[in-house]
Amino acid sequence: SIPLAPSKNESKSIVLISNEDGKSSAKDMPISQIPVVSAISGFMNILRIYTHQKYRKKVEIAAKSILGDLK
């Protein structure tokens, strides 16, 4: 995993905005209280492979056989 923004401090909270009965309200919510956001915030998994054009299809096939089709 690599940091999404290595030079910046990671956000600790997000602002949730709701609109009920025609009234908008904003709530500052800690990321740690939102499991799906907490799981993906700050980092992403990345794999980069450098190869010549003639080997790209073979590398693609090998990567898919190891990692699966991650689209």
N, C-alpha and C. Protein backbone atom coordinates (compact mmCIF):
# COMPACT_ATOMS: atom_id res chain seq x y z
N SER A 1 0.84 -1.19 0.00
CA SER A 1 0.00 0.00 0.00
C SER A 1 0.88 1.24 0.00
N ILE A 2 0.37 2.27 -0.65
CA ILE A 2 1.08 3.55 -0.65
C ILE A 2 0.13 4.64 -0.17
N PRO A 3 0.66 5.68 0.47
CA PRO A 3 -0.21 6.78 0.89
C PRO A 3 -0.79 7.50 -0.32
N LEU A 4 -2.04 7.92 -0.23
CA LEU A 4 -2.65 8.67 -1.32
C LEU A 4 -2.03 10.05 -1.43
N ALA A 5 -1.71 10.66 -0.33
CA ALA A 5 -1.12 11.99 -0.34
C ALA A 5 -0.02 12.04 0.73
N PRO A 6 1.19 11.59 0.39
CA PRO A 6 2.24 11.47 1.40
C PRO A 6 2.66 12.79 2.03
N SER A 7 2.44 13.91 1.34
CA SER A 7 2.89 15.18 1.89
C SER A 7 1.82 15.88 2.72
N LYS A 8 0.62 15.32 2.77
CA LYS A 8 -0.47 15.95 3.50
C LYS A 8 -0.84 15.11 4.72
N ASN A 9 -1.40 15.77 5.71
CA ASN A 9 -1.93 15.04 6.87
C ASN A 9 -3.22 14.34 6.47
N GLU A 10 -3.39 13.16 6.98
CA GLU A 10 -4.60 12.39 6.68
C GLU A 10 -5.81 13.02 7.37
N SER A 11 -6.92 13.07 6.66
CA SER A 11 -8.14 13.62 7.23
C SER A 11 -8.62 12.74 8.37
N LYS A 12 -9.09 13.36 9.41
CA LYS A 12 -9.60 12.64 10.58
C LYS A 12 -11.12 12.57 10.57
N SER A 13 -11.77 13.45 9.81
CA SER A 13 -13.23 13.47 9.79
C SER A 13 -13.73 13.97 8.43
N ILE A 14 -15.01 13.72 8.18
CA ILE A 14 -15.66 14.24 6.99
C ILE A 14 -16.95 14.92 7.41
N VAL A 15 -17.43 15.81 6.57
CA VAL A 15 -18.67 16.51 6.86
C VAL A 15 -19.79 15.82 6.10
N LEU A 16 -20.79 15.34 6.85
CA LEU A 16 -21.97 14.72 6.25
C LEU A 16 -23.08 15.76 6.22
N ILE A 17 -23.66 15.95 5.04
CA ILE A 17 -24.72 16.93 4.88
C ILE A 17 -26.02 16.19 4.60
N SER A 18 -27.06 16.53 5.35
CA SER A 18 -28.36 15.91 5.13
C SER A 18 -29.40 16.99 4.89
N ASN A 19 -30.46 16.61 4.21
CA ASN A 19 -31.54 17.54 3.91
C ASN A 19 -32.85 16.86 4.29
N GLU A 20 -33.45 17.32 5.38
CA GLU A 20 -34.71 16.75 5.85
C GLU A 20 -35.73 17.87 6.02
N ASP A 21 -36.90 17.65 5.49
CA ASP A 21 -38.00 18.62 5.58
C ASP A 21 -37.58 20.00 5.08
N GLY A 22 -36.76 20.03 4.03
CA GLY A 22 -36.33 21.29 3.44
C GLY A 22 -35.24 22.01 4.22
N LYS A 23 -34.75 21.40 5.28
CA LYS A 23 -33.68 22.02 6.08
C LYS A 23 -32.40 21.21 5.92
N SER A 24 -31.33 21.92 5.61
CA SER A 24 -30.03 21.27 5.49
C SER A 24 -29.29 21.34 6.82
N SER A 25 -28.57 20.27 7.11
CA SER A 25 -27.74 20.29 8.31
C SER A 25 -26.42 19.60 7.99
N ALA A 26 -25.38 20.03 8.66
CA ALA A 26 -24.05 19.46 8.46
C ALA A 26 -23.57 18.88 9.79
N LYS A 27 -22.92 17.72 9.69
CA LYS A 27 -22.41 17.06 10.88
C LYS A 27 -20.98 16.61 10.61
N ASP A 28 -20.07 17.00 11.46
CA ASP A 28 -18.68 16.58 11.35
C ASP A 28 -18.57 15.20 11.99
N MET A 29 -18.21 14.20 11.19
CA MET A 29 -18.19 12.82 11.69
C MET A 29 -16.78 12.24 11.56
N PRO A 30 -16.25 11.67 12.64
CA PRO A 30 -14.92 11.04 12.57
C PRO A 30 -14.93 9.87 11.57
N ILE A 31 -13.89 9.79 10.77
CA ILE A 31 -13.78 8.71 9.78
C ILE A 31 -13.79 7.35 10.48
N SER A 32 -13.26 7.28 11.68
CA SER A 32 -13.21 6.01 12.41
C SER A 32 -14.59 5.45 12.71
N GLN A 33 -15.62 6.28 12.66
CA GLN A 33 -16.99 5.82 12.93
C GLN A 33 -17.73 5.40 11.67
N ILE A 34 -17.07 5.48 10.52
CA ILE A 34 -17.69 5.06 9.25
C ILE A 34 -16.80 3.95 8.69
N PRO A 35 -17.11 2.69 8.98
CA PRO A 35 -16.22 1.58 8.64
C PRO A 35 -15.76 1.53 7.18
N VAL A 36 -16.66 1.71 6.24
CA VAL A 36 -16.26 1.59 4.84
C VAL A 36 -15.29 2.70 4.44
N VAL A 37 -15.48 3.88 4.96
CA VAL A 37 -14.57 4.99 4.67
C VAL A 37 -13.25 4.79 5.40
N SER A 38 -13.32 4.35 6.63
CA SER A 38 -12.12 4.10 7.42
C SER A 38 -11.22 3.05 6.76
N ALA A 39 -11.84 2.03 6.19
CA ALA A 39 -11.07 0.94 5.56
C ALA A 39 -10.30 1.40 4.34
N ILE A 40 -10.82 2.38 3.61
CA ILE A 40 -10.16 2.79 2.36
C ILE A 40 -9.46 4.13 2.44
N SER A 41 -9.58 4.83 3.55
CA SER A 41 -8.99 6.16 3.62
C SER A 41 -7.48 6.09 3.81
N GLY A 42 -6.79 6.96 3.11
CA GLY A 42 -5.36 7.12 3.33
C GLY A 42 -4.44 6.28 2.48
N PHE A 43 -4.84 5.11 2.05
CA PHE A 43 -3.95 4.23 1.30
C PHE A 43 -4.67 3.57 0.14
N MET A 44 -3.90 3.17 -0.85
CA MET A 44 -4.43 2.35 -1.94
C MET A 44 -3.37 1.32 -2.29
N ASN A 45 -3.82 0.17 -2.74
CA ASN A 45 -2.90 -0.87 -3.18
C ASN A 45 -2.59 -0.65 -4.65
N ILE A 46 -1.32 -0.76 -5.01
CA ILE A 46 -0.93 -0.52 -6.39
C ILE A 46 0.19 -1.48 -6.77
N LEU A 47 0.13 -1.95 -7.96
CA LEU A 47 1.18 -2.80 -8.52
C LEU A 47 1.50 -2.25 -9.89
N ARG A 48 2.75 -1.91 -10.12
CA ARG A 48 3.14 -1.36 -11.41
C ARG A 48 4.20 -2.27 -12.01
N ILE A 49 3.99 -2.64 -13.27
CA ILE A 49 4.92 -3.51 -13.97
C ILE A 49 5.38 -2.80 -15.24
N TYR A 50 6.67 -2.73 -15.43
CA TYR A 50 7.23 -2.14 -16.64
C TYR A 50 7.71 -3.27 -17.54
N THR A 51 7.33 -3.21 -18.80
CA THR A 51 7.75 -4.22 -19.76
C THR A 51 7.72 -3.64 -21.16
N HIS A 52 8.35 -4.33 -22.08
CA HIS A 52 8.31 -3.91 -23.48
C HIS A 52 6.95 -4.27 -24.07
N GLN A 53 6.57 -3.55 -25.10
CA GLN A 53 5.27 -3.74 -25.76
C GLN A 53 5.04 -5.21 -26.13
N LYS A 54 6.06 -5.87 -26.64
CA LYS A 54 5.87 -7.25 -27.12
C LYS A 54 5.55 -8.24 -25.99
N TYR A 55 5.83 -7.88 -24.73
CA TYR A 55 5.55 -8.77 -23.61
C TYR A 55 4.29 -8.41 -22.84
N ARG A 56 3.61 -7.35 -23.22
CA ARG A 56 2.48 -6.86 -22.42
C ARG A 56 1.35 -7.88 -22.29
N LYS A 57 1.02 -8.56 -23.36
CA LYS A 57 -0.07 -9.55 -23.29
C LYS A 57 0.30 -10.69 -22.34
N LYS A 58 1.54 -11.16 -22.41
CA LYS A 58 1.99 -12.23 -21.51
C LYS A 58 1.96 -11.76 -20.05
N VAL A 59 2.38 -10.53 -19.81
CA VAL A 59 2.35 -9.98 -18.45
C VAL A 59 0.91 -9.85 -17.98
N GLU A 60 0.02 -9.40 -18.86
CA GLU A 60 -1.40 -9.27 -18.51
C GLU A 60 -1.98 -10.62 -18.11
N ILE A 61 -1.70 -11.64 -18.90
CA ILE A 61 -2.22 -12.99 -18.62
C ILE A 61 -1.66 -13.50 -17.29
N ALA A 62 -0.36 -13.31 -17.07
CA ALA A 62 0.26 -13.77 -15.82
C ALA A 62 -0.32 -13.03 -14.61
N ALA A 63 -0.49 -11.72 -14.74
CA ALA A 63 -1.04 -10.93 -13.62
C ALA A 63 -2.47 -11.37 -13.30
N LYS A 64 -3.28 -11.58 -14.34
CA LYS A 64 -4.66 -12.01 -14.11
C LYS A 64 -4.72 -13.40 -13.49
N SER A 65 -3.78 -14.27 -13.85
CA SER A 65 -3.80 -15.62 -13.28
C SER A 65 -3.40 -15.59 -11.80
N ILE A 66 -2.58 -14.62 -11.41
CA ILE A 66 -2.15 -14.51 -10.02
C ILE A 66 -3.12 -13.67 -9.20
N LEU A 67 -3.52 -12.52 -9.74
CA LEU A 67 -4.34 -11.56 -9.00
C LEU A 67 -5.82 -11.67 -9.27
N GLY A 68 -6.19 -12.33 -10.36
CA GLY A 68 -7.58 -12.35 -10.79
C GLY A 68 -7.87 -11.10 -11.60
N ASP A 69 -9.06 -11.01 -12.12
CA ASP A 69 -9.46 -9.83 -12.90
C ASP A 69 -10.07 -8.83 -11.93
N LEU A 70 -9.31 -7.82 -11.53
CA LEU A 70 -9.69 -6.91 -10.45
C LEU A 70 -10.48 -5.69 -10.90
N LYS A 71 -11.06 -5.72 -12.06
CA LYS A 71 -11.79 -4.54 -12.55
C LYS A 71 -13.02 -4.27 -11.76
